[in-house]
Amino acid sequence: MDVRTHHARITGQVHYTNGGGVLHRIPLGPCLLESADGRVVCIVWGAKGQRSVALPVEEIRAARDRGHLVLLD
């Protein structure tokens, strides 16, 4: 399995829904994007990388296209 990791920055509103159906916003700032299968991207954030969420690649592309997610490498 080929895992790709990219440095990125959240610059606008990127949301996700937790297991209980509550909508949350990923905080502005640096993050890592990890992709293994091309369908789902894991966003990792926090001072120690303690938070993460897996989102469909389509949501990642939409956030990038809106300028809310900037790839740094």
PDB file of N, CA and C in Angstrom:
ATOM      1  N   MET A   1       0.850  -1.173   0.000  1.00  0.00           N
ATOM      2  CA  MET A   1       0.000   0.000   0.000  1.00  0.00           C
ATOM      3  C   MET A   1       0.896   1.237   0.000  1.00  0.00           C
ATOM      4  N   ASP A   2       0.651   2.128  -0.941  1.00  0.00           N
ATOM      5  CA  ASP A   2       1.423   3.359  -1.083  1.00  0.00           C
ATOM      6  C   ASP A   2       0.707   4.488  -0.356  1.00  0.00           C
ATOM      7  N   VAL A   3       1.279   4.963   0.750  1.00  0.00           N
ATOM      8  CA  VAL A   3       0.701   6.059   1.516  1.00  0.00           C
ATOM      9  C   VAL A   3       1.430   7.341   1.144  1.00  0.00           C
ATOM     10  N   ARG A   4       0.656   8.353   0.748  1.00  0.00           N
ATOM     11  CA  ARG A   4       1.228   9.644   0.394  1.00  0.00           C
ATOM     12  C   ARG A   4       0.854  10.660   1.466  1.00  0.00           C
ATOM     13  N   THR A   5       1.841  11.454   1.898  1.00  0.00           N
ATOM     14  CA  THR A   5       1.629  12.485   2.906  1.00  0.00           C
ATOM     15  C   THR A   5       2.019  13.835   2.328  1.00  0.00           C
ATOM     16  N   HIS A   6       1.158  14.838   2.554  1.00  0.00           N
ATOM     17  CA  HIS A   6       1.410  16.199   2.075  1.00  0.00           C
ATOM     18  C   HIS A   6       1.205  17.182   3.225  1.00  0.00           C
ATOM     19  N   HIS A   7       2.022  18.208   3.242  1.00  0.00           N
ATOM     20  CA  HIS A   7       1.819  19.310   4.180  1.00  0.00           C
ATOM     21  C   HIS A   7       0.790  20.254   3.566  1.00  0.00           C
ATOM     22  N   ALA A   8      -0.096  20.763   4.399  1.00  0.00           N
ATOM     23  CA  ALA A   8      -1.151  21.653   3.908  1.00  0.00           C
ATOM     24  C   ALA A   8      -1.517  22.652   5.006  1.00  0.00           C
ATOM     25  N   ARG A   9      -2.404  23.571   4.653  1.00  0.00           N
ATOM     26  CA  ARG A   9      -2.880  24.569   5.605  1.00  0.00           C
ATOM     27  C   ARG A   9      -4.370  24.783   5.378  1.00  0.00           C
ATOM     28  N   ILE A  10      -5.123  24.736   6.464  1.00  0.00           N
ATOM     29  CA  ILE A  10      -6.544  25.066   6.426  1.00  0.00           C
ATOM     30  C   ILE A  10      -6.632  26.591   6.490  1.00  0.00           C
ATOM     31  N   THR A  11      -7.243  27.205   5.474  1.00  0.00           N
ATOM     32  CA  THR A  11      -7.332  28.662   5.405  1.00  0.00           C
ATOM     33  C   THR A  11      -8.764  29.167   5.424  1.00  0.00           C
ATOM     34  N   GLY A  12      -9.720  28.263   5.441  1.00  0.00           N
ATOM     35  CA  GLY A  12     -11.142  28.615   5.455  1.00  0.00           C
ATOM     36  C   GLY A  12     -11.921  27.490   6.101  1.00  0.00           C
ATOM     37  N   GLN A  13     -13.218  27.552   5.962  1.00  0.00           N
ATOM     38  CA  GLN A  13     -14.065  26.571   6.636  1.00  0.00           C
ATOM     39  C   GLN A  13     -14.021  25.206   5.940  1.00  0.00           C
ATOM     40  N   VAL A  14     -13.549  24.215   6.690  1.00  0.00           N
ATOM     41  CA  VAL A  14     -13.582  22.814   6.271  1.00  0.00           C
ATOM     42  C   VAL A  14     -14.287  22.063   7.395  1.00  0.00           C
ATOM     43  N   HIS A  15     -15.417  21.456   7.073  1.00  0.00           N
ATOM     44  CA  HIS A  15     -16.253  20.809   8.089  1.00  0.00           C
ATOM     45  C   HIS A  15     -16.210  19.292   7.981  1.00  0.00           C
ATOM     46  N   TYR A  16     -16.546  18.661   9.082  1.00  0.00           N
ATOM     47  CA  TYR A  16     -16.740  17.213   9.106  1.00  0.00           C
ATOM     48  C   TYR A  16     -17.815  16.901  10.133  1.00  0.00           C
ATOM     49  N   THR A  17     -18.412  15.739  10.021  1.00  0.00           N
ATOM     50  CA  THR A  17     -19.446  15.289  10.949  1.00  0.00           C
ATOM     51  C   THR A  17     -18.892  14.144  11.764  1.00  0.00           C
ATOM     52  N   ASN A  18     -19.030  14.231  13.085  1.00  0.00           N
ATOM     53  CA  ASN A  18     -18.523  13.143  13.931  1.00  0.00           C
ATOM     54  C   ASN A  18     -19.523  11.993  13.942  1.00  0.00           C
ATOM     55  N   GLY A  19     -19.201  10.936  14.649  1.00  0.00           N
ATOM     56  CA  GLY A  19     -20.042   9.744  14.701  1.00  0.00           C
ATOM     57  C   GLY A  19     -21.445   9.997  15.214  1.00  0.00           C
ATOM     58  N   GLY A  20     -21.617  11.039  16.028  1.00  0.00           N
ATOM     59  CA  GLY A  20     -22.937  11.375  16.561  1.00  0.00           C
ATOM     60  C   GLY A  20     -23.730  12.310  15.679  1.00  0.00           C
ATOM     61  N   GLY A  21     -23.162  12.660  14.510  1.00  0.00           N
ATOM     62  CA  GLY A  21     -23.873  13.526  13.581  1.00  0.00           C
ATOM     63  C   GLY A  21     -23.687  15.011  13.840  1.00  0.00           C
ATOM     64  N   VAL A  22     -22.781  15.381  14.744  1.00  0.00           N
ATOM     65  CA  VAL A  22     -22.537  16.782  15.065  1.00  0.00           C
ATOM     66  C   VAL A  22     -21.514  17.353  14.084  1.00  0.00           C
ATOM     67  N   LEU A  23     -21.838  18.520  13.511  1.00  0.00           N
ATOM     68  CA  LEU A  23     -20.946  19.181  12.559  1.00  0.00           C
ATOM     69  C   LEU A  23     -19.845  19.921  13.295  1.00  0.00           C
ATOM     70  N   HIS A  24     -18.595  19.711  12.879  1.00  0.00           N
ATOM     71  CA  HIS A  24     -17.430  20.374  13.465  1.00  0.00           C
ATOM     72  C   HIS A  24     -16.631  21.044  12.355  1.00  0.00           C
ATOM     73  N   ARG A  25     -15.829  22.022  12.742  1.00  0.00           N
ATOM     74  CA  ARG A  25     -14.954  22.713  11.787  1.00  0.00           C
ATOM     75  C   ARG A  25     -13.510  22.403  12.154  1.00  0.00           C
ATOM     76  N   ILE A  26     -12.713  22.061  11.154  1.00  0.00           N
ATOM     77  CA  ILE A  26     -11.284  21.869  11.381  1.00  0.00           C
ATOM     78  C   ILE A  26     -10.684  23.259  11.586  1.00  0.00           C
ATOM     79  N   PRO A  27      -9.902  23.465  12.639  1.00  0.00           N
ATOM     80  CA  PRO A  27      -9.370  24.804  12.904  1.00  0.00           C
ATOM     81  C   PRO A  27      -8.388  25.267  11.820  1.00  0.00           C
ATOM     82  N   LEU A  28      -8.317  26.574  11.656  1.00  0.00           N
ATOM     83  CA  LEU A  28      -7.371  27.156  10.718  1.00  0.00           C
ATOM     84  C   LEU A  28      -5.953  26.833  11.154  1.00  0.00           C
ATOM     85  N   GLY A  29      -5.078  26.597  10.200  1.00  0.00           N
ATOM     86  CA  GLY A  29      -3.680  26.339  10.526  1.00  0.00           C
ATOM     87  C   GLY A  29      -3.131  25.141   9.790  1.00  0.00           C
ATOM     88  N   PRO A  30      -1.936  24.722  10.176  1.00  0.00           N
ATOM     89  CA  PRO A  30      -1.248  23.637   9.473  1.00  0.00           C
ATOM     90  C   PRO A  30      -1.903  22.282   9.710  1.00  0.00           C
ATOM     91  N   CYS A  31      -1.724  21.403   8.730  1.00  0.00           N
ATOM     92  CA  CYS A  31      -2.237  20.040   8.840  1.00  0.00           C
ATOM     93  C   CYS A  31      -1.433  19.148   7.903  1.00  0.00           C
ATOM     94  N   LEU A  32      -1.641  17.873   8.050  1.00  0.00           N
ATOM     95  CA  LEU A  32      -1.086  16.882   7.128  1.00  0.00           C
ATOM     96  C   LEU A  32      -2.234  16.198   6.416  1.00  0.00           C
ATOM     97  N   LEU A  33      -2.026  15.865   5.162  1.00  0.00           N
ATOM     98  CA  LEU A  33      -2.995  15.082   4.396  1.00  0.00           C
ATOM     99  C   LEU A  33      -2.351  13.746   4.083  1.00  0.00           C
ATOM    100  N   GLU A  34      -3.050  12.661   4.405  1.00  0.00           N
ATOM    101  CA  GLU A  34      -2.535  11.320   4.123  1.00  0.00           C
ATOM    102  C   GLU A  34      -3.554  10.568   3.283  1.00  0.00           C
ATOM    103  N   SER A  35      -3.085   9.996   2.199  1.00  0.00           N
ATOM    104  CA  SER A  35      -3.955   9.252   1.299  1.00  0.00           C
ATOM    105  C   SER A  35      -3.304   7.927   0.963  1.00  0.00           C
ATOM    106  N   ALA A  36      -4.103   6.875   0.988  1.00  0.00           N
ATOM    107  CA  ALA A  36      -3.571   5.553   0.672  1.00  0.00           C
ATOM    108  C   ALA A  36      -4.286   4.921  -0.517  1.00  0.00           C
ATOM    109  N   ASP A  37      -5.573   5.147  -0.625  1.00  0.00           N
ATOM    110  CA  ASP A  37      -6.326   4.446  -1.660  1.00  0.00           C
ATOM    111  C   ASP A  37      -6.913   5.355  -2.723  1.00  0.00           C
ATOM    112  N   GLY A  38      -6.746   6.672  -2.589  1.00  0.00           N
ATOM    113  CA  GLY A  38      -7.257   7.600  -3.579  1.00  0.00           C
ATOM    114  C   GLY A  38      -8.712   7.953  -3.425  1.00  0.00           C
ATOM    115  N   ARG A  39      -9.426   7.321  -2.506  1.00  0.00           N
ATOM    116  CA  ARG A  39     -10.851   7.628  -2.293  1.00  0.00           C
ATOM    117  C   ARG A  39     -11.079   8.433  -1.041  1.00  0.00           C
ATOM    118  N   VAL A  40     -10.217   8.258  -0.050  1.00  0.00           N
ATOM    119  CA  VAL A  40     -10.360   8.913   1.246  1.00  0.00           C
ATOM    120  C   VAL A  40      -9.039   9.578   1.595  1.00  0.00           C
ATOM    121  N   VAL A  41      -9.127  10.784   2.168  1.00  0.00           N
ATOM    122  CA  VAL A  41      -7.941  11.503   2.626  1.00  0.00           C
ATOM    123  C   VAL A  41      -8.095  11.757   4.116  1.00  0.00           C
ATOM    124  N   CYS A  42      -7.074  11.434   4.867  1.00  0.00           N
ATOM    125  CA  CYS A  42      -7.068  11.679   6.305  1.00  0.00           C
ATOM    126  C   CYS A  42      -6.395  13.028   6.547  1.00  0.00           C
ATOM    127  N   ILE A  43      -7.093  13.931   7.234  1.00  0.00           N
ATOM    128  CA  ILE A  43      -6.527  15.222   7.624  1.00  0.00           C
ATOM    129  C   ILE A  43      -6.111  15.090   9.086  1.00  0.00           C
ATOM    130  N   VAL A  44      -4.860  15.423   9.388  1.00  0.00           N
ATOM    131  CA  VAL A  44      -4.312  15.331  10.737  1.00  0.00           C
ATOM    132  C   VAL A  44      -3.921  16.740  11.166  1.00  0.00           C
ATOM    133  N   TRP A  45      -4.373  17.165  12.363  1.00  0.00           N
ATOM    134  CA  TRP A  45      -4.046  18.501  12.851  1.00  0.00           C
ATOM    135  C   TRP A  45      -3.881  18.464  14.364  1.00  0.00           C
ATOM    136  N   GLY A  46      -3.472  19.606  14.903  1.00  0.00           N
ATOM    137  CA  GLY A  46      -3.239  19.727  16.342  1.00  0.00           C
ATOM    138  C   GLY A  46      -1.756  19.857  16.619  1.00  0.00           C
ATOM    139  N   ALA A  47      -1.422  20.438  17.749  1.00  0.00           N
ATOM    140  CA  ALA A  47      -0.024  20.691  18.105  1.00  0.00           C
ATOM    141  C   ALA A  47       0.821  19.422  18.065  1.00  0.00           C
ATOM    142  N   LYS A  48       0.222  18.299  18.402  1.00  0.00           N
ATOM    143  CA  LYS A  48       0.945  17.020  18.412  1.00  0.00           C
ATOM    144  C   LYS A  48       0.327  16.016  17.443  1.00  0.00           C
ATOM    145  N   GLY A  49      -0.481  16.517  16.507  1.00  0.00           N
ATOM    146  CA  GLY A  49      -1.134  15.621  15.552  1.00  0.00           C
ATOM    147  C   GLY A  49      -2.175  14.745  16.208  1.00  0.00           C
ATOM    148  N   GLN A  50      -2.808  15.269  17.264  1.00  0.00           N
ATOM    149  CA  GLN A  50      -3.720  14.457  18.056  1.00  0.00           C
ATOM    150  C   GLN A  50      -5.144  14.392  17.503  1.00  0.00           C
ATOM    151  N   ARG A  51      -5.450  15.137  16.467  1.00  0.00           N
ATOM    152  CA  ARG A  51      -6.802  15.118  15.897  1.00  0.00           C
ATOM    153  C   ARG A  51      -6.723  14.684  14.448  1.00  0.00           C
ATOM    154  N   SER A  52      -7.728  13.957  14.006  1.00  0.00           N
ATOM    155  CA  SER A  52      -7.757  13.555  12.603  1.00  0.00           C
ATOM    156  C   SER A  52      -9.176  13.201  12.188  1.00  0.00           C
ATOM    157  N   VAL A  53      -9.399  13.265  10.896  1.00  0.00           N
ATOM    158  CA  VAL A  53     -10.677  12.864  10.322  1.00  0.00           C
ATOM    159  C   VAL A  53     -10.411  12.395   8.895  1.00  0.00           C
ATOM    160  N   ALA A  54     -11.145  11.393   8.462  1.00  0.00           N
ATOM    161  CA  ALA A  54     -11.048  10.902   7.092  1.00  0.00           C
ATOM    162  C   ALA A  54     -12.228  11.464   6.300  1.00  0.00           C
ATOM    163  N   LEU A  55     -11.920  12.099   5.172  1.00  0.00           N
ATOM    164  CA  LEU A  55     -12.950  12.689   4.312  1.00  0.00           C
ATOM    165  C   LEU A  55     -12.807  12.145   2.898  1.00  0.00           C
ATOM    166  N   PRO A  56     -13.920  12.061   2.174  1.00  0.00           N
ATOM    167  CA  PRO A  56     -13.832  11.639   0.772  1.00  0.00           C
ATOM    168  C   PRO A  56     -12.965  12.612  -0.024  1.00  0.00           C
ATOM    169  N   VAL A  57     -12.244  12.099  -0.981  1.00  0.00           N
ATOM    170  CA  VAL A  57     -11.340  12.927  -1.777  1.00  0.00           C
ATOM    171  C   VAL A  57     -12.097  14.068  -2.466  1.00  0.00           C
ATOM    172  N   GLU A  58     -13.363  13.876  -2.784  1.00  0.00           N
ATOM    173  CA  GLU A  58     -14.155  14.928  -3.423  1.00  0.00           C
ATOM    174  C   GLU A  58     -14.314  16.139  -2.511  1.00  0.00           C
ATOM    175  N   GLU A  59     -14.466  15.904  -1.204  1.00  0.00           N
ATOM    176  CA  GLU A  59     -14.579  17.018  -0.253  1.00  0.00           C
ATOM    177  C   GLU A  59     -13.249  17.761  -0.128  1.00  0.00           C
ATOM    178  N   ILE A  60     -12.150  17.029  -0.183  1.00  0.00           N
ATOM    179  CA  ILE A  60     -10.824  17.653  -0.126  1.00  0.00           C
ATOM    180  C   ILE A  60     -10.611  18.520  -1.356  1.00  0.00           C
ATOM    181  N   ARG A  61     -10.956  17.999  -2.516  1.00  0.00           N
ATOM    182  CA  ARG A  61     -10.809  18.780  -3.755  1.00  0.00           C
ATOM    183  C   ARG A  61     -11.685  20.029  -3.730  1.00  0.00           C
ATOM    184  N   ALA A  62     -12.909  19.897  -3.228  1.00  0.00           N
ATOM    185  CA  ALA A  62     -13.805  21.054  -3.153  1.00  0.00           C
ATOM    186  C   ALA A  62     -13.246  22.126  -2.214  1.00  0.00           C
ATOM    187  N   ALA A  63     -12.696  21.719  -1.075  1.00  0.00           N
ATOM    188  CA  ALA A  63     -12.088  22.679  -0.141  1.00  0.00           C
ATOM    189  C   ALA A  63     -10.889  23.358  -0.791  1.00  0.00           C
ATOM    190  N   ARG A  64     -10.096  22.599  -1.523  1.00  0.00           N
ATOM    191  CA  ARG A  64      -8.947  23.170  -2.242  1.00  0.00           C
ATOM    192  C   ARG A  64      -9.413  24.157  -3.305  1.00  0.00           C
ATOM    193  N   ASP A  65     -10.431  23.788  -4.063  1.00  0.00           N
ATOM    194  CA  ASP A  65     -10.926  24.638  -5.142  1.00  0.00           C
ATOM    195  C   ASP A  65     -11.531  25.946  -4.602  1.00  0.00           C
ATOM    196  N   ARG A  66     -12.108  25.905  -3.391  1.00  0.00           N
ATOM    197  CA  ARG A  66     -12.659  27.110  -2.760  1.00  0.00           C
ATOM    198  C   ARG A  66     -11.576  27.962  -2.111  1.00  0.00           C
ATOM    199  N   GLY A  67     -10.350  27.435  -2.044  1.00  0.00           N
ATOM    200  CA  GLY A  67      -9.264  28.160  -1.390  1.00  0.00           C
ATOM    201  C   GLY A  67      -9.233  27.973   0.112  1.00  0.00           C
ATOM    202  N   HIS A  68      -9.984  27.003   0.637  1.00  0.00           N
ATOM    203  CA  HIS A  68     -10.042  26.761   2.072  1.00  0.00           C
ATOM    204  C   HIS A  68      -8.984  25.760   2.540  1.00  0.00           C
ATOM    205  N   LEU A  69      -8.349  25.108   1.594  1.00  0.00           N
ATOM    206  CA  LEU A  69      -7.282  24.148   1.888  1.00  0.00           C
ATOM    207  C   LEU A  69      -6.170  24.383   0.861  1.00  0.00           C
ATOM    208  N   VAL A  70      -4.972  24.689   1.351  1.00  0.00           N
ATOM    209  CA  VAL A  70      -3.846  24.985   0.471  1.00  0.00           C
ATOM    210  C   VAL A  70      -2.784  23.915   0.662  1.00  0.00           C
ATOM    211  N   LEU A  71      -2.422  23.248  -0.428  1.00  0.00           N
ATOM    212  CA  LEU A  71      -1.348  22.276  -0.388  1.00  0.00           C
ATOM    213  C   LEU A  71      -0.020  23.026  -0.417  1.00  0.00           C
ATOM    214  N   LEU A  72       0.896  22.659   0.475  1.00  0.00           N
ATOM    215  CA  LEU A  72       2.173  23.353   0.578  1.00  0.00           C
ATOM    216  C   LEU A  72       3.303  22.608  -0.105  1.00  0.00           C
ATOM    217  N   ASP A  73       3.091  21.350  -0.461  1.00  0.00           N
ATOM    218  CA  ASP A  73       4.116  20.596  -1.200  1.00  0.00           C
ATOM    219  C   ASP A  73       3.494  19.694  -2.219  1.00  0.00           C
TER     220      ASP A  73
END
